[in-house]
Amino acid sequence: MTEDARPMPYRLITGKDDAAFCERISALLDEGYLLHGSPSVTFNGTDVIAAQAVVWGPQ
């Protein structure tokens, strides 16, 4: 794998808490990312917004 193709070691994924958000997190887990900490949620007046940190590979 080239240096440019290396995954970022840490990512914070945010978005509306819906099936699409869960699919994004699931896809990252399939790629080799691991969940890092608990998810956070907030309400923006309309939707619940979720945030989940992920880290690359086994730590």
PDB file of N, CA and C in Angstrom:
ATOM      1  N   MET A   1       0.849  -1.171   0.000  1.00  0.00           N
ATOM      2  CA  MET A   1       0.000   0.000   0.000  1.00  0.00           C
ATOM      3  C   MET A   1       0.898   1.237   0.000  1.00  0.00           C
ATOM      4  N   THR A   2       0.654   2.186  -0.869  1.00  0.00           N
ATOM      5  CA  THR A   2       1.464   3.392  -0.916  1.00  0.00           C
ATOM      6  C   THR A   2       1.090   4.312   0.236  1.00  0.00           C
ATOM      7  N   GLU A   3       1.981   5.248   0.520  1.00  0.00           N
ATOM      8  CA  GLU A   3       1.714   6.174   1.615  1.00  0.00           C
ATOM      9  C   GLU A   3       0.443   6.969   1.368  1.00  0.00           C
ATOM     10  N   ASP A   4       0.165   7.342   0.115  1.00  0.00           N
ATOM     11  CA  ASP A   4      -1.033   8.107  -0.210  1.00  0.00           C
ATOM     12  C   ASP A   4      -2.295   7.279  -0.014  1.00  0.00           C
ATOM     13  N   ALA A   5      -2.189   5.958  -0.124  1.00  0.00           N
ATOM     14  CA  ALA A   5      -3.360   5.091  -0.013  1.00  0.00           C
ATOM     15  C   ALA A   5      -3.621   4.633   1.425  1.00  0.00           C
ATOM     16  N   ARG A   6      -2.717   4.980   2.353  1.00  0.00           N
ATOM     17  CA  ARG A   6      -2.914   4.564   3.742  1.00  0.00           C
ATOM     18  C   ARG A   6      -4.138   5.232   4.325  1.00  0.00           C
ATOM     19  N   PRO A   7      -4.942   4.472   5.055  1.00  0.00           N
ATOM     20  CA  PRO A   7      -6.112   5.073   5.712  1.00  0.00           C
ATOM     21  C   PRO A   7      -5.681   6.055   6.805  1.00  0.00           C
ATOM     22  N   MET A   8      -6.522   7.025   7.068  1.00  0.00           N
ATOM     23  CA  MET A   8      -6.261   7.936   8.180  1.00  0.00           C
ATOM     24  C   MET A   8      -6.338   7.128   9.473  1.00  0.00           C
ATOM     25  N   PRO A   9      -5.431   7.353  10.416  1.00  0.00           N
ATOM     26  CA  PRO A   9      -5.430   6.553  11.638  1.00  0.00           C
ATOM     27  C   PRO A   9      -6.611   6.856  12.560  1.00  0.00           C
ATOM     28  N   TYR A  10      -7.216   8.032  12.432  1.00  0.00           N
ATOM     29  CA  TYR A  10      -8.333   8.430  13.288  1.00  0.00           C
ATOM     30  C   TYR A  10      -9.345   9.183  12.445  1.00  0.00           C
ATOM     31  N   ARG A  11     -10.602   8.866  12.646  1.00  0.00           N
ATOM     32  CA  ARG A  11     -11.674   9.602  11.954  1.00  0.00           C
ATOM     33  C   ARG A  11     -12.821   9.814  12.917  1.00  0.00           C
ATOM     34  N   LEU A  12     -13.472  10.948  12.814  1.00  0.00           N
ATOM     35  CA  LEU A  12     -14.685  11.232  13.566  1.00  0.00           C
ATOM     36  C   LEU A  12     -15.810  11.359  12.552  1.00  0.00           C
ATOM     37  N   ILE A  13     -16.745  10.430  12.612  1.00  0.00           N
ATOM     38  CA  ILE A  13     -17.850  10.399  11.667  1.00  0.00           C
ATOM     39  C   ILE A  13     -19.064  11.030  12.346  1.00  0.00           C
ATOM     40  N   THR A  14     -19.694  11.972  11.666  1.00  0.00           N
ATOM     41  CA  THR A  14     -20.880  12.630  12.206  1.00  0.00           C
ATOM     42  C   THR A  14     -21.983  12.616  11.168  1.00  0.00           C
ATOM     43  N   GLY A  15     -23.201  12.718  11.635  1.00  0.00           N
ATOM     44  CA  GLY A  15     -24.329  12.802  10.721  1.00  0.00           C
ATOM     45  C   GLY A  15     -25.634  12.517  11.422  1.00  0.00           C
ATOM     46  N   LYS A  16     -26.699  12.703  10.680  1.00  0.00           N
ATOM     47  CA  LYS A  16     -28.029  12.396  11.183  1.00  0.00           C
ATOM     48  C   LYS A  16     -28.067  10.929  11.611  1.00  0.00           C
ATOM     49  N   ASP A  17     -28.630  10.673  12.788  1.00  0.00           N
ATOM     50  CA  ASP A  17     -28.686   9.310  13.319  1.00  0.00           C
ATOM     51  C   ASP A  17     -29.786   8.539  12.593  1.00  0.00           C
ATOM     52  N   ASP A  18     -29.400   7.908  11.489  1.00  0.00           N
ATOM     53  CA  ASP A  18     -30.352   7.144  10.682  1.00  0.00           C
ATOM     54  C   ASP A  18     -29.642   5.922  10.102  1.00  0.00           C
ATOM     55  N   ALA A  19     -30.318   5.193   9.268  1.00  0.00           N
ATOM     56  CA  ALA A  19     -29.742   3.975   8.683  1.00  0.00           C
ATOM     57  C   ALA A  19     -28.499   4.294   7.861  1.00  0.00           C
ATOM     58  N   ALA A  20     -28.476   5.421   7.178  1.00  0.00           N
ATOM     59  CA  ALA A  20     -27.309   5.786   6.364  1.00  0.00           C
ATOM     60  C   ALA A  20     -26.083   5.995   7.244  1.00  0.00           C
ATOM     61  N   PHE A  21     -26.249   6.607   8.420  1.00  0.00           N
ATOM     62  CA  PHE A  21     -25.129   6.792   9.342  1.00  0.00           C
ATOM     63  C   PHE A  21     -24.602   5.433   9.790  1.00  0.00           C
ATOM     64  N   CYS A  22     -25.513   4.533  10.159  1.00  0.00           N
ATOM     65  CA  CYS A  22     -25.103   3.191  10.586  1.00  0.00           C
ATOM     66  C   CYS A  22     -24.391   2.446   9.459  1.00  0.00           C
ATOM     67  N   GLU A  23     -24.836   2.624   8.227  1.00  0.00           N
ATOM     68  CA  GLU A  23     -24.180   1.989   7.081  1.00  0.00           C
ATOM     69  C   GLU A  23     -22.770   2.537   6.888  1.00  0.00           C
ATOM     70  N   ARG A  24     -22.579   3.845   7.101  1.00  0.00           N
ATOM     71  CA  ARG A  24     -21.247   4.436   6.978  1.00  0.00           C
ATOM     72  C   ARG A  24     -20.293   3.835   8.011  1.00  0.00           C
ATOM     73  N   ILE A  25     -20.761   3.722   9.253  1.00  0.00           N
ATOM     74  CA  ILE A  25     -19.928   3.148  10.309  1.00  0.00           C
ATOM     75  C   ILE A  25     -19.649   1.679  10.009  1.00  0.00           C
ATOM     76  N   SER A  26     -20.663   0.941   9.596  1.00  0.00           N
ATOM     77  CA  SER A  26     -20.487  -0.487   9.272  1.00  0.00           C
ATOM     78  C   SER A  26     -19.477  -0.675   8.151  1.00  0.00           C
ATOM     79  N   ALA A  27     -19.522   0.180   7.140  1.00  0.00           N
ATOM     80  CA  ALA A  27     -18.571   0.085   6.027  1.00  0.00           C
ATOM     81  C   ALA A  27     -17.144   0.324   6.510  1.00  0.00           C
ATOM     82  N   LEU A  28     -16.955   1.282   7.414  1.00  0.00           N
ATOM     83  CA  LEU A  28     -15.623   1.534   7.957  1.00  0.00           C
ATOM     84  C   LEU A  28     -15.131   0.350   8.784  1.00  0.00           C
ATOM     85  N   LEU A  29     -16.025  -0.275   9.538  1.00  0.00           N
ATOM     86  CA  LEU A  29     -15.640  -1.470  10.302  1.00  0.00           C
ATOM     87  C   LEU A  29     -15.225  -2.588   9.349  1.00  0.00           C
ATOM     88  N   ASP A  30     -15.945  -2.739   8.244  1.00  0.00           N
ATOM     89  CA  ASP A  30     -15.594  -3.749   7.238  1.00  0.00           C
ATOM     90  C   ASP A  30     -14.229  -3.469   6.619  1.00  0.00           C
ATOM     91  N   GLU A  31     -13.844  -2.192   6.519  1.00  0.00           N
ATOM     92  CA  GLU A  31     -12.549  -1.810   5.938  1.00  0.00           C
ATOM     93  C   GLU A  31     -11.392  -2.033   6.904  1.00  0.00           C
ATOM     94  N   GLY A  32     -11.687  -2.252   8.178  1.00  0.00           N
ATOM     95  CA  GLY A  32     -10.621  -2.483   9.145  1.00  0.00           C
ATOM     96  C   GLY A  32     -10.535  -1.467  10.270  1.00  0.00           C
ATOM     97  N   TYR A  33     -11.418  -0.481  10.274  1.00  0.00           N
ATOM     98  CA  TYR A  33     -11.448   0.471  11.380  1.00  0.00           C
ATOM     99  C   TYR A  33     -12.082  -0.189  12.596  1.00  0.00           C
ATOM    100  N   LEU A  34     -11.737   0.330  13.777  1.00  0.00           N
ATOM    101  CA  LEU A  34     -12.310  -0.120  15.041  1.00  0.00           C
ATOM    102  C   LEU A  34     -12.996   1.057  15.714  1.00  0.00           C
ATOM    103  N   LEU A  35     -14.081   0.783  16.419  1.00  0.00           N
ATOM    104  CA  LEU A  35     -14.746   1.837  17.178  1.00  0.00           C
ATOM    105  C   LEU A  35     -13.801   2.340  18.260  1.00  0.00           C
ATOM    106  N   HIS A  36     -13.833   3.638  18.507  1.00  0.00           N
ATOM    107  CA  HIS A  36     -12.980   4.239  19.531  1.00  0.00           C
ATOM    108  C   HIS A  36     -13.879   5.054  20.459  1.00  0.00           C
ATOM    109  N   GLY A  37     -14.134   4.515  21.629  1.00  0.00           N
ATOM    110  CA  GLY A  37     -15.000   5.206  22.577  1.00  0.00           C
ATOM    111  C   GLY A  37     -16.468   5.029  22.243  1.00  0.00           C
ATOM    112  N   SER A  38     -17.278   5.669  23.028  1.00  0.00           N
ATOM    113  CA  SER A  38     -18.726   5.591  22.876  1.00  0.00           C
ATOM    114  C   SER A  38     -19.212   6.630  21.870  1.00  0.00           C
ATOM    115  N   PRO A  39     -20.344   6.363  21.234  1.00  0.00           N
ATOM    116  CA  PRO A  39     -20.915   7.376  20.357  1.00  0.00           C
ATOM    117  C   PRO A  39     -21.479   8.528  21.189  1.00  0.00           C
ATOM    118  N   SER A  40     -21.591   9.670  20.561  1.00  0.00           N
ATOM    119  CA  SER A  40     -22.232  10.837  21.169  1.00  0.00           C
ATOM    120  C   SER A  40     -23.407  11.230  20.309  1.00  0.00           C
ATOM    121  N   VAL A  41     -24.437  11.750  20.942  1.00  0.00           N
ATOM    122  CA  VAL A  41     -25.594  12.229  20.191  1.00  0.00           C
ATOM    123  C   VAL A  41     -26.037  13.578  20.751  1.00  0.00           C
ATOM    124  N   THR A  42     -26.628  14.364  19.869  1.00  0.00           N
ATOM    125  CA  THR A  42     -27.207  15.638  20.255  1.00  0.00           C
ATOM    126  C   THR A  42     -28.442  15.869  19.391  1.00  0.00           C
ATOM    127  N   PHE A  43     -29.231  16.844  19.742  1.00  0.00           N
ATOM    128  CA  PHE A  43     -30.436  17.167  18.983  1.00  0.00           C
ATOM    129  C   PHE A  43     -30.288  18.586  18.465  1.00  0.00           C
ATOM    130  N   ASN A  44     -30.467  18.766  17.157  1.00  0.00           N
ATOM    131  CA  ASN A  44     -30.288  20.089  16.557  1.00  0.00           C
ATOM    132  C   ASN A  44     -31.602  20.851  16.381  1.00  0.00           C
ATOM    133  N   GLY A  45     -32.654  20.384  17.017  1.00  0.00           N
ATOM    134  CA  GLY A  45     -33.959  21.030  16.886  1.00  0.00           C
ATOM    135  C   GLY A  45     -34.853  20.320  15.890  1.00  0.00           C
ATOM    136  N   THR A  46     -34.251  19.512  15.031  1.00  0.00           N
ATOM    137  CA  THR A  46     -34.985  18.753  14.031  1.00  0.00           C
ATOM    138  C   THR A  46     -34.635  17.276  14.079  1.00  0.00           C
ATOM    139  N   ASP A  47     -33.345  16.988  14.097  1.00  0.00           N
ATOM    140  CA  ASP A  47     -32.863  15.608  14.011  1.00  0.00           C
ATOM    141  C   ASP A  47     -31.893  15.296  15.149  1.00  0.00           C
ATOM    142  N   VAL A  48     -31.774  14.017  15.449  1.00  0.00           N
ATOM    143  CA  VAL A  48     -30.713  13.547  16.335  1.00  0.00           C
ATOM    144  C   VAL A  48     -29.453  13.406  15.479  1.00  0.00           C
ATOM    145  N   ILE A  49     -28.363  14.025  15.925  1.00  0.00           N
ATOM    146  CA  ILE A  49     -27.085  13.974  15.225  1.00  0.00           C
ATOM    147  C   ILE A  49     -26.138  13.102  16.039  1.00  0.00           C
ATOM    148  N   ALA A  50     -25.500  12.145  15.375  1.00  0.00           N
ATOM    149  CA  ALA A  50     -24.597  11.209  16.045  1.00  0.00           C
ATOM    150  C   ALA A  50     -23.160  11.474  15.631  1.00  0.00           C
ATOM    151  N   ALA A  51     -22.244  11.106  16.522  1.00  0.00           N
ATOM    152  CA  ALA A  51     -20.814  11.174  16.244  1.00  0.00           C
ATOM    153  C   ALA A  51     -20.176   9.900  16.785  1.00  0.00           C
ATOM    154  N   GLN A  52     -19.298   9.293  15.978  1.00  0.00           N
ATOM    155  CA  GLN A  52     -18.579   8.097  16.406  1.00  0.00           C
ATOM    156  C   GLN A  52     -17.149   8.196  15.922  1.00  0.00           C
ATOM    157  N   ALA A  53     -16.200   8.049  16.841  1.00  0.00           N
ATOM    158  CA  ALA A  53     -14.780   8.020  16.473  1.00  0.00           C
ATOM    159  C   ALA A  53     -14.410   6.593  16.097  1.00  0.00           C
ATOM    160  N   VAL A  54     -13.532   6.474  15.088  1.00  0.00           N
ATOM    161  CA  VAL A  54     -12.986   5.181  14.685  1.00  0.00           C
ATOM    162  C   VAL A  54     -11.482   5.336  14.501  1.00  0.00           C
ATOM    163  N   VAL A  55     -10.748   4.261  14.767  1.00  0.00           N
ATOM    164  CA  VAL A  55      -9.302   4.241  14.565  1.00  0.00           C
ATOM    165  C   VAL A  55      -8.957   3.082  13.643  1.00  0.00           C
ATOM    166  N   TRP A  56      -7.837   3.220  12.932  1.00  0.00           N
ATOM    167  CA  TRP A  56      -7.438   2.219  11.959  1.00  0.00           C
ATOM    168  C   TRP A  56      -6.775   1.025  12.642  1.00  0.00           C
ATOM    169  N   GLY A  57      -7.252  -0.154  12.334  1.00  0.00           N
ATOM    170  CA  GLY A  57      -6.606  -1.412  12.677  1.00  0.00           C
ATOM    171  C   GLY A  57      -6.425  -1.707  14.152  1.00  0.00           C
ATOM    172  N   PRO A  58      -5.831  -2.848  14.433  1.00  0.00           N
ATOM    173  CA  PRO A  58      -5.611  -3.258  15.822  1.00  0.00           C
ATOM    174  C   PRO A  58      -4.641  -2.297  16.525  1.00  0.00           C
ATOM    175  N   GLN A  59      -4.971  -1.933  17.714  1.00  0.00           N
ATOM    176  CA  GLN A  59      -4.132  -0.991  18.470  1.00  0.00           C
ATOM    177  C   GLN A  59      -3.250  -1.723  19.442  1.00  0.00           C
TER     178      GLN A  59
END
